[in-house]
C-alpha atoms as a PDB file:
ATOM      1  CA  MET A   1       1.525   1.543 -22.204  1.00  0.00           C
ATOM      2  CA  ASN A   2       1.157   3.109 -25.661  1.00  0.00           C
ATOM      3  CA  PRO A   3      -1.573   5.693 -26.480  1.00  0.00           C
ATOM      4  CA  ALA A   4      -3.612   3.227 -28.541  1.00  0.00           C
ATOM      5  CA  ALA A   5      -3.701   0.779 -25.634  1.00  0.00           C
ATOM      6  CA  ILE A   6      -4.804   3.540 -23.264  1.00  0.00           C
ATOM      7  CA  LEU A   7      -7.686   4.488 -25.548  1.00  0.00           C
ATOM      8  CA  ALA A   8      -8.760   0.835 -25.722  1.00  0.00           C
ATOM      9  CA  THR A   9      -8.625   0.304 -21.954  1.00  0.00           C
ATOM     10  CA  PRO A  10     -12.120  -0.038 -20.423  1.00  0.00           C
ATOM     11  CA  ALA A  11     -13.224   2.008 -17.418  1.00  0.00           C
ATOM     12  CA  PHE A  12     -14.415   0.492 -14.152  1.00  0.00           C
ATOM     13  CA  SER A  13     -17.898   1.833 -14.944  1.00  0.00           C
ATOM     14  CA  SER A  14     -18.218  -0.965 -17.501  1.00  0.00           C
ATOM     15  CA  LEU A  15     -17.195  -3.666 -14.998  1.00  0.00           C
ATOM     16  CA  THR A  16     -20.704  -4.960 -14.305  1.00  0.00           C
ATOM     17  CA  PRO A  17     -21.577  -7.943 -12.091  1.00  0.00           C
ATOM     18  CA  ASP A  18     -22.236  -9.998 -15.215  1.00  0.00           C
ATOM     19  CA  THR A  19     -18.791  -9.088 -16.562  1.00  0.00           C
ATOM     20  CA  VAL A  20     -17.162 -10.163 -13.292  1.00  0.00           C
ATOM     21  CA  LEU A  21     -18.946 -13.533 -13.291  1.00  0.00           C
ATOM     22  CA  ASP A  22     -18.294 -14.074 -16.997  1.00  0.00           C
ATOM     23  CA  ALA A  23     -14.595 -13.363 -16.425  1.00  0.00           C
ATOM     24  CA  LEU A  24     -14.384 -16.120 -13.829  1.00  0.00           C
ATOM     25  CA  GLU A  25     -16.315 -18.540 -15.987  1.00  0.00           C
ATOM     26  CA  ALA A  26     -13.884 -17.827 -18.843  1.00  0.00           C
ATOM     27  CA  ILE A  27     -11.060 -19.289 -16.723  1.00  0.00           C
ATOM     28  CA  GLY A  28     -13.118 -22.291 -15.622  1.00  0.00           C
ATOM     29  CA  LEU A  29     -14.569 -21.008 -12.323  1.00  0.00           C
ATOM     30  CA  ARG A  30     -18.341 -21.342 -12.034  1.00  0.00           C
ATOM     31  CA  SER A  31     -19.970 -18.999  -9.544  1.00  0.00           C
ATOM     32  CA  ASP A  32     -23.205 -19.703  -7.689  1.00  0.00           C
ATOM     33  CA  GLY A  33     -24.184 -16.081  -8.327  1.00  0.00           C
ATOM     34  CA  ARG A  34     -23.319 -14.670  -4.900  1.00  0.00           C
ATOM     35  CA  MET A  35     -21.041 -11.641  -5.084  1.00  0.00           C
ATOM     36  CA  LEU A  36     -19.955  -9.173  -2.418  1.00  0.00           C
ATOM     37  CA  ALA A  37     -17.940  -6.037  -3.204  1.00  0.00           C
ATOM     38  CA  LEU A  38     -15.033  -5.701  -0.774  1.00  0.00           C
ATOM     39  CA  ASN A  39     -13.507  -2.472   0.500  1.00  0.00           C
ATOM     40  CA  SER A  40     -11.095  -1.322  -2.189  1.00  0.00           C
ATOM     41  CA  TYR A  41     -10.897   1.945  -4.127  1.00  0.00           C
ATOM     42  CA  GLU A  42      -7.715   1.514  -6.138  1.00  0.00           C
ATOM     43  CA  ASN A  43      -8.886  -1.768  -7.655  1.00  0.00           C
ATOM     44  CA  ARG A  44     -12.239  -3.549  -7.715  1.00  0.00           C
ATOM     45  CA  VAL A  45     -12.310  -6.585  -5.436  1.00  0.00           C
ATOM     46  CA  TYR A  46     -15.168  -9.056  -4.992  1.00  0.00           C
ATOM     47  CA  GLN A  47     -15.861 -12.099  -2.855  1.00  0.00           C
ATOM     48  CA  ILE A  48     -17.604 -14.566  -5.127  1.00  0.00           C
ATOM     49  CA  GLY A  49     -19.423 -17.741  -4.136  1.00  0.00           C
ATOM     50  CA  MET A  50     -18.465 -20.878  -6.051  1.00  0.00           C
ATOM     51  CA  GLU A  51     -20.660 -23.799  -7.126  1.00  0.00           C
ATOM     52  CA  ASP A  52     -17.933 -26.171  -5.954  1.00  0.00           C
ATOM     53  CA  GLY A  53     -15.868 -25.199  -2.946  1.00  0.00           C
ATOM     54  CA  PRO A  54     -15.452 -22.132  -0.758  1.00  0.00           C
ATOM     55  CA  PRO A  55     -15.796 -18.532  -1.993  1.00  0.00           C
ATOM     56  CA  LEU A  56     -12.919 -16.930  -3.871  1.00  0.00           C
ATOM     57  CA  VAL A  57     -11.749 -13.332  -4.111  1.00  0.00           C
ATOM     58  CA  ALA A  58     -11.334 -11.727  -7.539  1.00  0.00           C
ATOM     59  CA  LYS A  59      -9.241  -8.559  -7.894  1.00  0.00           C
ATOM     60  CA  PHE A  60      -9.694  -6.484 -11.052  1.00  0.00           C
ATOM     61  CA  TYR A  61      -6.694  -4.202 -11.435  1.00  0.00           C
ATOM     62  CA  ARG A  62      -7.127  -0.496 -12.101  1.00  0.00           C
ATOM     63  CA  PRO A  63      -6.400   0.089 -15.788  1.00  0.00           C
ATOM     64  CA  GLN A  64      -3.109   1.824 -16.662  1.00  0.00           C
ATOM     65  CA  ARG A  65      -1.661   1.676 -13.145  1.00  0.00           C
ATOM     66  CA  TRP A  66       0.735  -1.281 -13.360  1.00  0.00           C
ATOM     67  CA  SER A  67       2.264  -3.037 -16.314  1.00  0.00           C
ATOM     68  CA  ASP A  68       1.629  -6.765 -16.665  1.00  0.00           C
ATOM     69  CA  ALA A  69       5.275  -7.367 -15.751  1.00  0.00           C
ATOM     70  CA  ALA A  70       4.923  -5.358 -12.516  1.00  0.00           C
ATOM     71  CA  ILE A  71       1.796  -7.283 -11.475  1.00  0.00           C
ATOM     72  CA  LEU A  72       3.472 -10.603 -12.203  1.00  0.00           C
ATOM     73  CA  GLU A  73       6.530  -9.520 -10.215  1.00  0.00           C
ATOM     74  CA  GLU A  74       4.258  -8.848  -7.222  1.00  0.00           C
ATOM     75  CA  HIS A  75       2.666 -12.305  -7.645  1.00  0.00           C
ATOM     76  CA  ALA A  76       6.111 -13.924  -7.838  1.00  0.00           C
ATOM     77  CA  PHE A  77       7.277 -12.172  -4.653  1.00  0.00           C
ATOM     78  CA  VAL A  78       4.224 -13.362  -2.721  1.00  0.00           C
ATOM     79  CA  GLU A  79       4.794 -16.883  -4.033  1.00  0.00           C
ATOM     80  CA  GLU A  80       8.392 -16.734  -2.749  1.00  0.00           C
ATOM     81  CA  LEU A  81       6.969 -15.946   0.687  1.00  0.00           C
ATOM     82  CA  VAL A  82       4.493 -18.832   0.454  1.00  0.00           C
ATOM     83  CA  GLU A  83       7.330 -21.234  -0.387  1.00  0.00           C
ATOM     84  CA  ARG A  84       8.963 -20.228   2.898  1.00  0.00           C
ATOM     85  CA  GLU A  85       5.692 -20.799   4.803  1.00  0.00           C
ATOM     86  CA  ILE A  86       5.169 -17.124   5.541  1.00  0.00           C
ATOM     87  CA  PRO A  87       1.426 -16.436   6.013  1.00  0.00           C
ATOM     88  CA  VAL A  88       0.463 -14.407   2.948  1.00  0.00           C
ATOM     89  CA  VAL A  89      -2.325 -14.817   0.387  1.00  0.00           C
ATOM     90  CA  PRO A  90      -1.042 -15.625  -3.134  1.00  0.00           C
ATOM     91  CA  ALA A  91      -2.831 -15.339  -6.452  1.00  0.00           C
ATOM     92  CA  LEU A  92      -4.100 -18.723  -7.613  1.00  0.00           C
ATOM     93  CA  ASN A  93      -2.211 -20.306 -10.485  1.00  0.00           C
ATOM     94  CA  LEU A  94      -4.874 -21.437 -12.960  1.00  0.00           C
ATOM     95  CA  ASP A  95      -3.714 -23.199 -16.131  1.00  0.00           C
ATOM     96  CA  GLY A  96      -0.227 -21.842 -15.552  1.00  0.00           C
ATOM     97  CA  LYS A  97      -1.326 -18.214 -15.084  1.00  0.00           C
ATOM     98  CA  THR A  98      -1.885 -15.899 -12.131  1.00  0.00           C
ATOM     99  CA  LEU A  99      -2.890 -12.875 -14.250  1.00  0.00           C
ATOM    100  CA  HIS A 100      -5.879 -13.114 -16.591  1.00  0.00           C
ATOM    101  CA  VAL A 101      -7.587 -10.791 -19.083  1.00  0.00           C
ATOM    102  CA  PHE A 102     -11.284 -10.554 -19.937  1.00  0.00           C
ATOM    103  CA  GLN A 103     -12.806  -7.855 -22.135  1.00  0.00           C
ATOM    104  CA  GLY A 104      -9.772  -5.676 -21.497  1.00  0.00           C
ATOM    105  CA  PHE A 105      -9.830  -6.070 -17.702  1.00  0.00           C
ATOM    106  CA  ARG A 106      -6.822  -7.660 -16.005  1.00  0.00           C
ATOM    107  CA  PHE A 107      -7.647  -9.717 -12.930  1.00  0.00           C
ATOM    108  CA  ALA A 108      -6.355 -12.315 -10.495  1.00  0.00           C
ATOM    109  CA  VAL A 109      -8.137 -14.758  -8.212  1.00  0.00           C
ATOM    110  CA  PHE A 110      -7.201 -15.428  -4.597  1.00  0.00           C
ATOM    111  CA  PRO A 111      -8.342 -17.848  -1.900  1.00  0.00           C
ATOM    112  CA  ARG A 112     -10.581 -16.190   0.665  1.00  0.00           C
ATOM    113  CA  HIS A 113      -8.940 -15.737   4.063  1.00  0.00           C
ATOM    114  CA  GLY A 114     -10.959 -14.132   6.832  1.00  0.00           C
ATOM    115  CA  GLY A 115      -9.716 -12.602  10.041  1.00  0.00           C
ATOM    116  CA  ARG A 116      -9.947  -9.662  12.385  1.00  0.00           C
ATOM    117  CA  ALA A 117      -7.793  -6.618  12.993  1.00  0.00           C
ATOM    118  CA  PRO A 118      -4.733  -7.276  15.190  1.00  0.00           C
ATOM    119  CA  GLU A 119      -4.703  -5.934  18.744  1.00  0.00           C
ATOM    120  CA  LEU A 120      -1.833  -3.482  18.428  1.00  0.00           C
ATOM    121  CA  ASP A 121      -1.894  -2.597  22.120  1.00  0.00           C
ATOM    122  CA  ASP A 122      -0.840  -6.161  22.981  1.00  0.00           C
ATOM    123  CA  PRO A 123       2.973  -6.614  23.214  1.00  0.00           C
ATOM    124  CA  ALA A 124       2.755 -10.294  22.257  1.00  0.00           C
ATOM    125  CA  THR A 125       0.773  -9.432  19.119  1.00  0.00           C
ATOM    126  CA  LEU A 126       3.331  -6.815  18.088  1.00  0.00           C
ATOM    127  CA  GLU A 127       6.221  -9.210  18.648  1.00  0.00           C
ATOM    128  CA  TRP A 128       4.433 -11.842  16.562  1.00  0.00           C
ATOM    129  CA  LEU A 129       3.867  -9.316  13.767  1.00  0.00           C
ATOM    130  CA  GLY A 130       7.492  -8.259  13.991  1.00  0.00           C
ATOM    131  CA  ARG A 131       8.665 -11.836  13.488  1.00  0.00           C
ATOM    132  CA  PHE A 132       6.655 -12.259  10.303  1.00  0.00           C
ATOM    133  CA  ILE A 133       7.641  -8.851   8.907  1.00  0.00           C
ATOM    134  CA  GLY A 134      11.255  -9.777   9.618  1.00  0.00           C
ATOM    135  CA  ARG A 135      10.781 -12.997   7.665  1.00  0.00           C
ATOM    136  CA  ILE A 136       9.186 -11.079   4.761  1.00  0.00           C
ATOM    137  CA  HIS A 137      12.135  -8.690   4.706  1.00  0.00           C
ATOM    138  CA  ALA A 138      14.675 -11.501   4.834  1.00  0.00           C
ATOM    139  CA  VAL A 139      13.158 -12.767   1.580  1.00  0.00           C
ATOM    140  CA  GLY A 140      12.747  -9.249   0.213  1.00  0.00           C
ATOM    141  CA  ALA A 141      16.465  -8.593   0.626  1.00  0.00           C
ATOM    142  CA  ILE A 142      17.495 -11.579  -1.517  1.00  0.00           C
ATOM    143  CA  ARG A 143      17.030  -9.734  -4.810  1.00  0.00           C
ATOM    144  CA  PRO A 144      15.554  -6.432  -6.008  1.00  0.00           C
ATOM    145  CA  PHE A 145      12.388  -5.742  -7.909  1.00  0.00           C
ATOM    146  CA  ILE A 146      13.051  -4.960 -11.560  1.00  0.00           C
ATOM    147  CA  GLU A 147       9.606  -3.820 -12.731  1.00  0.00           C
ATOM    148  CA  ARG A 148       8.199  -2.218  -9.595  1.00  0.00           C
ATOM    149  CA  PRO A 149       9.126   1.299  -8.401  1.00  0.00           C
ATOM    150  CA  VAL A 150      11.200   2.680  -5.540  1.00  0.00           C
ATOM    151  CA  LEU A 151       9.746   4.629  -2.622  1.00  0.00           C
ATOM    152  CA  ASP A 152      11.740   7.856  -2.795  1.00  0.00           C
ATOM    153  CA  VAL A 153      11.427  11.628  -2.437  1.00  0.00           C
ATOM    154  CA  ALA A 154      10.933  12.138  -6.170  1.00  0.00           C
ATOM    155  CA  SER A 155       8.053   9.694  -6.683  1.00  0.00           C
ATOM    156  CA  PHE A 156       6.260  10.132  -3.346  1.00  0.00           C
ATOM    157  CA  GLY A 157       6.889  13.827  -2.729  1.00  0.00           C
ATOM    158  CA  GLU A 158       8.076  15.963  -5.619  1.00  0.00           C
ATOM    159  CA  GLU A 159       5.940  14.405  -8.332  1.00  0.00           C
ATOM    160  CA  PRO A 160       2.697  14.441  -6.253  1.00  0.00           C
ATOM    161  CA  ARG A 161       3.306  18.099  -5.297  1.00  0.00           C
ATOM    162  CA  ASP A 162       3.901  19.050  -8.924  1.00  0.00           C
ATOM    163  CA  TYR A 163       0.773  17.196 -10.050  1.00  0.00           C
ATOM    164  CA  LEU A 164      -1.447  18.976  -7.532  1.00  0.00           C
ATOM    165  CA  LEU A 165      -0.055  22.392  -8.412  1.00  0.00           C
ATOM    166  CA  ALA A 166      -0.328  21.773 -12.162  1.00  0.00           C
ATOM    167  CA  HIS A 167      -3.927  20.496 -12.205  1.00  0.00           C
ATOM    168  CA  GLY A 168      -5.754  23.167 -10.231  1.00  0.00           C
ATOM    169  CA  PHE A 169      -6.965  21.071  -7.294  1.00  0.00           C
ATOM    170  CA  ILE A 170      -5.716  23.531  -4.676  1.00  0.00           C
ATOM    171  CA  PRO A 171      -7.890  26.676  -4.296  1.00  0.00           C
ATOM    172  CA  ALA A 172      -6.180  29.750  -5.790  1.00  0.00           C
ATOM    173  CA  GLU A 173      -6.052  31.572  -2.462  1.00  0.00           C
ATOM    174  CA  LEU A 174      -4.186  28.612  -0.890  1.00  0.00           C
ATOM    175  CA  THR A 175      -1.855  27.739  -3.765  1.00  0.00           C
ATOM    176  CA  GLU A 176       1.141  29.783  -2.630  1.00  0.00           C
ATOM    177  CA  ALA A 177       0.761  28.624   0.965  1.00  0.00           C
ATOM    178  CA  TYR A 178       0.710  25.003  -0.204  1.00  0.00           C
ATOM    179  CA  ARG A 179       3.666  25.550  -2.546  1.00  0.00           C
ATOM    180  CA  SER A 180       5.714  27.062   0.272  1.00  0.00           C
ATOM    181  CA  VAL A 181       4.880  24.510   2.949  1.00  0.00           C
ATOM    182  CA  ALA A 182       5.400  21.603   0.523  1.00  0.00           C
ATOM    183  CA  ALA A 183       8.874  22.925  -0.338  1.00  0.00           C
ATOM    184  CA  GLN A 184       9.748  23.188   3.363  1.00  0.00           C
ATOM    185  CA  ALA A 185       8.364  19.704   4.023  1.00  0.00           C
ATOM    186  CA  LEU A 186      10.406  18.176   1.207  1.00  0.00           C
ATOM    187  CA  ASP A 187      13.531  19.914   2.491  1.00  0.00           C
ATOM    188  CA  GLY A 188      12.789  18.311   5.863  1.00  0.00           C
ATOM    189  CA  VAL A 189      12.386  14.911   4.229  1.00  0.00           C
ATOM    190  CA  ARG A 190      15.742  15.276   2.458  1.00  0.00           C
ATOM    191  CA  HIS A 191      17.426  16.229   5.726  1.00  0.00           C
ATOM    192  CA  CYS A 192      15.974  13.106   7.399  1.00  0.00           C
ATOM    193  CA  PHE A 193      17.340  10.905   4.616  1.00  0.00           C
ATOM    194  CA  ALA A 194      20.710  12.638   4.923  1.00  0.00           C
ATOM    195  CA  ARG A 195      20.777  11.968   8.686  1.00  0.00           C
ATOM    196  CA  ALA A 196      19.904   8.310   8.080  1.00  0.00           C
ATOM    197  CA  GLY A 197      22.858   7.926   5.714  1.00  0.00           C
ATOM    198  CA  GLU A 198      23.282   4.809   3.628  1.00  0.00           C
ATOM    199  CA  VAL A 199      19.999   2.882   3.812  1.00  0.00           C
ATOM    200  CA  ALA A 200      19.451  -0.361   1.918  1.00  0.00           C
ATOM    201  CA  GLY A 201      16.372  -0.718  -0.248  1.00  0.00           C
ATOM    202  CA  ILE A 202      14.598  -4.072  -0.128  1.00  0.00           C
ATOM    203  CA  ARG A 203      11.384  -5.524  -1.511  1.00  0.00           C
ATOM    204  CA  LEU A 204       8.577  -4.443   0.817  1.00  0.00           C
ATOM    205  CA  HIS A 205       4.902  -5.058   1.436  1.00  0.00           C
ATOM    206  CA  GLY A 206       4.738  -1.290   0.998  1.00  0.00           C
ATOM    207  CA  ASP A 207       1.379  -0.616   2.683  1.00  0.00           C
ATOM    208  CA  CYS A 208       1.700  -2.542   5.929  1.00  0.00           C
ATOM    209  CA  HIS A 209      -1.030  -1.007   8.089  1.00  0.00           C
ATOM    210  CA  CYS A 210      -3.428  -2.930  10.310  1.00  0.00           C
ATOM    211  CA  GLY A 211      -6.078  -3.090   7.556  1.00  0.00           C
ATOM    212  CA  ASN A 212      -3.756  -5.308   5.529  1.00  0.00           C
ATOM    213  CA  VAL A 213      -3.064  -7.683   8.418  1.00  0.00           C
ATOM    214  CA  LEU A 214      -5.786 -10.196   9.284  1.00  0.00           C
ATOM    215  CA  TRP A 215      -5.607 -12.056  12.589  1.00  0.00           C
ATOM    216  CA  THR A 216      -6.961 -15.482  13.443  1.00  0.00           C
ATOM    217  CA  ASP A 217      -6.381 -17.828  16.362  1.00  0.00           C
ATOM    218  CA  ALA A 218      -3.415 -19.152  14.366  1.00  0.00           C
ATOM    219  CA  GLY A 219      -1.847 -15.683  14.175  1.00  0.00           C
ATOM    220  CA  PRO A 220      -1.512 -13.051  11.446  1.00  0.00           C
ATOM    221  CA  HIS A 221      -1.560 -13.265   7.696  1.00  0.00           C
ATOM    222  CA  PHE A 222      -0.698 -10.455   5.330  1.00  0.00           C
ATOM    223  CA  VAL A 223      -2.845  -9.441   2.378  1.00  0.00           C
ATOM    224  CA  ASP A 224      -2.782  -6.969  -0.520  1.00  0.00           C
ATOM    225  CA  PHE A 225       0.771  -6.581  -1.815  1.00  0.00           C
ATOM    226  CA  ASP A 226      -0.563  -4.248  -4.520  1.00  0.00           C
ATOM    227  CA  ASP A 227       1.717  -1.399  -3.311  1.00  0.00           C
ATOM    228  CA  SER A 228       4.787  -3.603  -3.022  1.00  0.00           C
ATOM    229  CA  ARG A 229       7.956  -1.756  -4.045  1.00  0.00           C
ATOM    230  CA  MET A 230      11.602  -1.179  -3.140  1.00  0.00           C
ATOM    231  CA  GLY A 231      12.287   0.925  -0.066  1.00  0.00           C
ATOM    232  CA  PRO A 232      13.696   1.067   3.479  1.00  0.00           C
ATOM    233  CA  ALA A 233      12.611  -1.636   5.920  1.00  0.00           C
ATOM    234  CA  ILE A 234      11.086   0.894   8.336  1.00  0.00           C
ATOM    235  CA  GLN A 235       8.317   1.554   5.800  1.00  0.00           C
ATOM    236  CA  ASP A 236       6.686  -1.752   6.800  1.00  0.00           C
ATOM    237  CA  LEU A 237       6.954  -0.979  10.520  1.00  0.00           C
ATOM    238  CA  TRP A 238       6.085   2.657  11.186  1.00  0.00           C
ATOM    239  CA  MET A 239       2.414   2.418  10.159  1.00  0.00           C
ATOM    240  CA  LEU A 240       1.834  -0.048  13.004  1.00  0.00           C
ATOM    241  CA  LEU A 241       2.827   2.620  15.566  1.00  0.00           C
ATOM    242  CA  SER A 242       0.253   4.966  17.101  1.00  0.00           C
ATOM    243  CA  GLY A 243      -0.493   7.103  20.145  1.00  0.00           C
ATOM    244  CA  GLU A 244       1.784   9.313  22.214  1.00  0.00           C
ATOM    245  CA  ARG A 245       5.559   9.141  21.855  1.00  0.00           C
ATOM    246  CA  ALA A 246       5.950   6.822  24.878  1.00  0.00           C
ATOM    247  CA  ASP A 247       3.348   4.461  23.366  1.00  0.00           C
ATOM    248  CA  ARG A 248       5.148   4.394  20.021  1.00  0.00           C
ATOM    249  CA  VAL A 249       8.506   3.720  21.679  1.00  0.00           C
ATOM    250  CA  ARG A 250       7.019   0.729  23.491  1.00  0.00           C
ATOM    251  CA  GLN A 251       5.301  -0.542  20.329  1.00  0.00           C
ATOM    252  CA  LEU A 252       8.510  -0.201  18.324  1.00  0.00           C
ATOM    253  CA  SER A 253      10.428  -2.142  20.990  1.00  0.00           C
ATOM    254  CA  ASP A 254       7.878  -4.959  20.839  1.00  0.00           C
ATOM    255  CA  LEU A 255       7.933  -5.098  17.036  1.00  0.00           C
ATOM    256  CA  LEU A 256      11.721  -5.160  16.848  1.00  0.00           C
ATOM    257  CA  ALA A 257      11.938  -7.847  19.553  1.00  0.00           C
ATOM    258  CA  GLY A 258      10.347 -10.216  17.048  1.00  0.00           C
ATOM    259  CA  TYR A 259      11.696  -8.642  13.867  1.00  0.00           C
ATOM    260  CA  GLU A 260      15.369  -9.010  14.751  1.00  0.00           C
ATOM    261  CA  ASP A 261      14.970 -12.748  15.316  1.00  0.00           C
ATOM    262  CA  PHE A 262      14.916 -13.012  11.506  1.00  0.00           C
ATOM    263  CA  PHE A 263      16.346  -9.831   9.980  1.00  0.00           C
ATOM    264  CA  GLU A 264      18.828  -7.238  11.174  1.00  0.00           C
ATOM    265  CA  PHE A 265      17.343  -3.787  11.601  1.00  0.00           C
ATOM    266  CA  ASN A 266      19.422  -0.698  10.846  1.00  0.00           C
ATOM    267  CA  PRO A 267      18.591   1.783  13.659  1.00  0.00           C
ATOM    268  CA  GLN A 268      19.587   4.705  11.428  1.00  0.00           C
ATOM    269  CA  GLU A 269      16.305   4.100   9.577  1.00  0.00           C
ATOM    270  CA  LEU A 270      14.453   5.494  12.603  1.00  0.00           C
ATOM    271  CA  HIS A 271      15.408   8.934  11.270  1.00  0.00           C
ATOM    272  CA  LEU A 272      13.034   8.206   8.370  1.00  0.00           C
ATOM    273  CA  ILE A 273       9.752   7.607  10.213  1.00  0.00           C
ATOM    274  CA  GLU A 274       8.405  11.171  10.077  1.00  0.00           C
ATOM    275  CA  ALA A 275       9.902  11.691   6.622  1.00  0.00           C
ATOM    276  CA  LEU A 276       8.049   8.645   5.311  1.00  0.00           C
ATOM    277  CA  ARG A 277       4.849   9.801   7.010  1.00  0.00           C
ATOM    278  CA  THR A 278       5.240  13.185   5.276  1.00  0.00           C
ATOM    279  CA  LEU A 279       5.737  11.523   1.885  1.00  0.00           C
ATOM    280  CA  ARG A 280       2.706   9.306   2.452  1.00  0.00           C
ATOM    281  CA  LEU A 281       0.521  12.330   3.237  1.00  0.00           C
ATOM    282  CA  MET A 282       1.629  14.148   0.094  1.00  0.00           C
ATOM    283  CA  HIS A 283       1.271  11.058  -2.063  1.00  0.00           C
ATOM    284  CA  TYR A 284      -2.214  10.352  -0.667  1.00  0.00           C
ATOM    285  CA  ALA A 285      -3.537  13.805  -1.589  1.00  0.00           C
ATOM    286  CA  ALA A 286      -2.266  13.411  -5.151  1.00  0.00           C
ATOM    287  CA  TRP A 287      -3.664   9.865  -5.317  1.00  0.00           C
ATOM    288  CA  LEU A 288      -7.136  11.238  -4.580  1.00  0.00           C
ATOM    289  CA  ALA A 289      -6.648  13.930  -7.205  1.00  0.00           C
ATOM    290  CA  ARG A 290      -5.599  11.440  -9.868  1.00  0.00           C
ATOM    291  CA  ARG A 291      -8.663   9.301  -9.165  1.00  0.00           C
ATOM    292  CA  TRP A 292     -11.146  12.174  -8.926  1.00  0.00           C
ATOM    293  CA  ASP A 293     -12.789  11.280 -12.252  1.00  0.00           C
ATOM    294  CA  ASP A 294     -13.738   7.886 -10.754  1.00  0.00           C
ATOM    295  CA  PRO A 295     -17.321   8.254  -9.391  1.00  0.00           C
ATOM    296  CA  ALA A 296     -16.464   5.905  -6.514  1.00  0.00           C
ATOM    297  CA  PHE A 297     -13.978   8.477  -5.197  1.00  0.00           C
ATOM    298  CA  LYS A 298     -16.464  11.345  -5.284  1.00  0.00           C
ATOM    299  CA  ARG A 299     -18.890   9.231  -3.239  1.00  0.00           C
ATOM    300  CA  ALA A 300     -16.298   8.014  -0.743  1.00  0.00           C
ATOM    301  CA  PHE A 301     -14.308  11.248  -0.321  1.00  0.00           C
ATOM    302  CA  PRO A 302     -16.799  14.132  -0.743  1.00  0.00           C
ATOM    303  CA  TRP A 303     -14.632  16.389   1.425  1.00  0.00           C
ATOM    304  CA  PHE A 304     -11.613  16.178  -0.901  1.00  0.00           C
ATOM    305  CA  ASP A 305     -12.464  18.983  -3.311  1.00  0.00           C
ATOM    306  CA  THR A 306     -13.100  21.610  -0.595  1.00  0.00           C
ATOM    307  CA  GLN A 307     -11.176  24.554   0.788  1.00  0.00           C
ATOM    308  CA  ARG A 308     -11.255  23.055   4.296  1.00  0.00           C
ATOM    309  CA  TYR A 309      -9.505  19.932   3.044  1.00  0.00           C
ATOM    310  CA  TRP A 310      -6.552  21.930   1.675  1.00  0.00           C
ATOM    311  CA  GLN A 311      -6.371  24.138   4.751  1.00  0.00           C
ATOM    312  CA  ASP A 312      -6.040  20.966   6.829  1.00  0.00           C
ATOM    313  CA  ARG A 313      -3.343  19.592   4.494  1.00  0.00           C
ATOM    314  CA  ILE A 314      -1.293  22.762   4.831  1.00  0.00           C
ATOM    315  CA  LEU A 315      -1.585  22.601   8.638  1.00  0.00           C
ATOM    316  CA  GLU A 316      -0.700  18.893   8.548  1.00  0.00           C
ATOM    317  CA  LEU A 317       2.488  19.538   6.585  1.00  0.00           C
ATOM    318  CA  ARG A 318       3.482  22.322   8.985  1.00  0.00           C
ATOM    319  CA  GLU A 319       3.110  19.870  11.846  1.00  0.00           C
ATOM    320  CA  GLN A 320       5.250  17.349   9.973  1.00  0.00           C
ATOM    321  CA  ILE A 321       7.970  19.933   9.426  1.00  0.00           C
ATOM    322  CA  ALA A 322       8.180  20.374  13.204  1.00  0.00           C
ATOM    323  CA  LEU A 323       8.090  16.616  13.863  1.00  0.00           C
ATOM    324  CA  MET A 324      10.936  15.968  11.420  1.00  0.00           C
ATOM    325  CA  ASP A 325      13.112  18.284  13.528  1.00  0.00           C
ATOM    326  CA  GLU A 326      12.488  16.282  16.706  1.00  0.00           C
ATOM    327  CA  PRO A 327      14.776  13.442  17.841  1.00  0.00           C
ATOM    328  CA  PRO A 328      13.754  10.119  16.256  1.00  0.00           C
ATOM    329  CA  LEU A 329      12.065   7.320  18.168  1.00  0.00           C
ATOM    330  CA  TRP A 330      14.422   4.780  19.717  1.00  0.00           C
ATOM    331  CA  PRO A 331      13.287   1.429  21.145  1.00  0.00           C
ATOM    332  CA  ALA A 332      13.383   1.137  24.905  1.00  0.00           C
END
């Protein structure tokens, strides 16, 4: 995006309820005036009642984050999954478009799909989830993304560390401690990738935690492919694991029992679980920092800009350094 376009890009503070409703009306969707803000910080997402038919969900993309081509590539990937009857929620194609622009805001409209959180302590639920993730990955492996990024050490670890150190978010008395522990953590991540060896990158959901899986009596459906990118298959599995090591081994076994019905899993990727967790923790801290001028972040994360927060992050990375030295999980 060129500098002139950045200067012309509106801020979320100007995305008023009237603007949201006018945007939908501009593409032929007449609201009945009911609007509910849904839980999203990166974008702005609303459930909107319609005069004719069920409510729809409108997602207004954060300015300057993705190019149009990257958003459309995400939409196309989800549509590929729909064509194979995989339960995902695609952007609606309205007059030949899935991405729309109104007063400088880019947005897409989705059908509303309700559901509840999956019961991750149930082996049958995990096996069911594994089957659908395996099907997603079988499609994801067909071709690569061109416009969307790769999950790697540089983009999820080195660049976030450098951003935090360069922009003064870490208290001065903790800066050297953070610099040192981050360097050790990234060395640990590199060693994990070296132990894993040759790992294929495929198109992923990218943020496959239980908040992005909605469960109904018919089973799961997957939502919010906004973080979709290239990366190792284990990225879409490890966030569904929790508890003590024995619990995670059992959960992994249940997931892979379904997963490998549709896509072959490379067990060497198990070396990457704690490395990917480390990268996610580092990336998350920098994500908060980059969004700190958004008033919604100051309200939602008041603890971010405190000394205690950075003390906890340093301790967290030290714990990850130790975990990356432990033997990887292996399914029972």
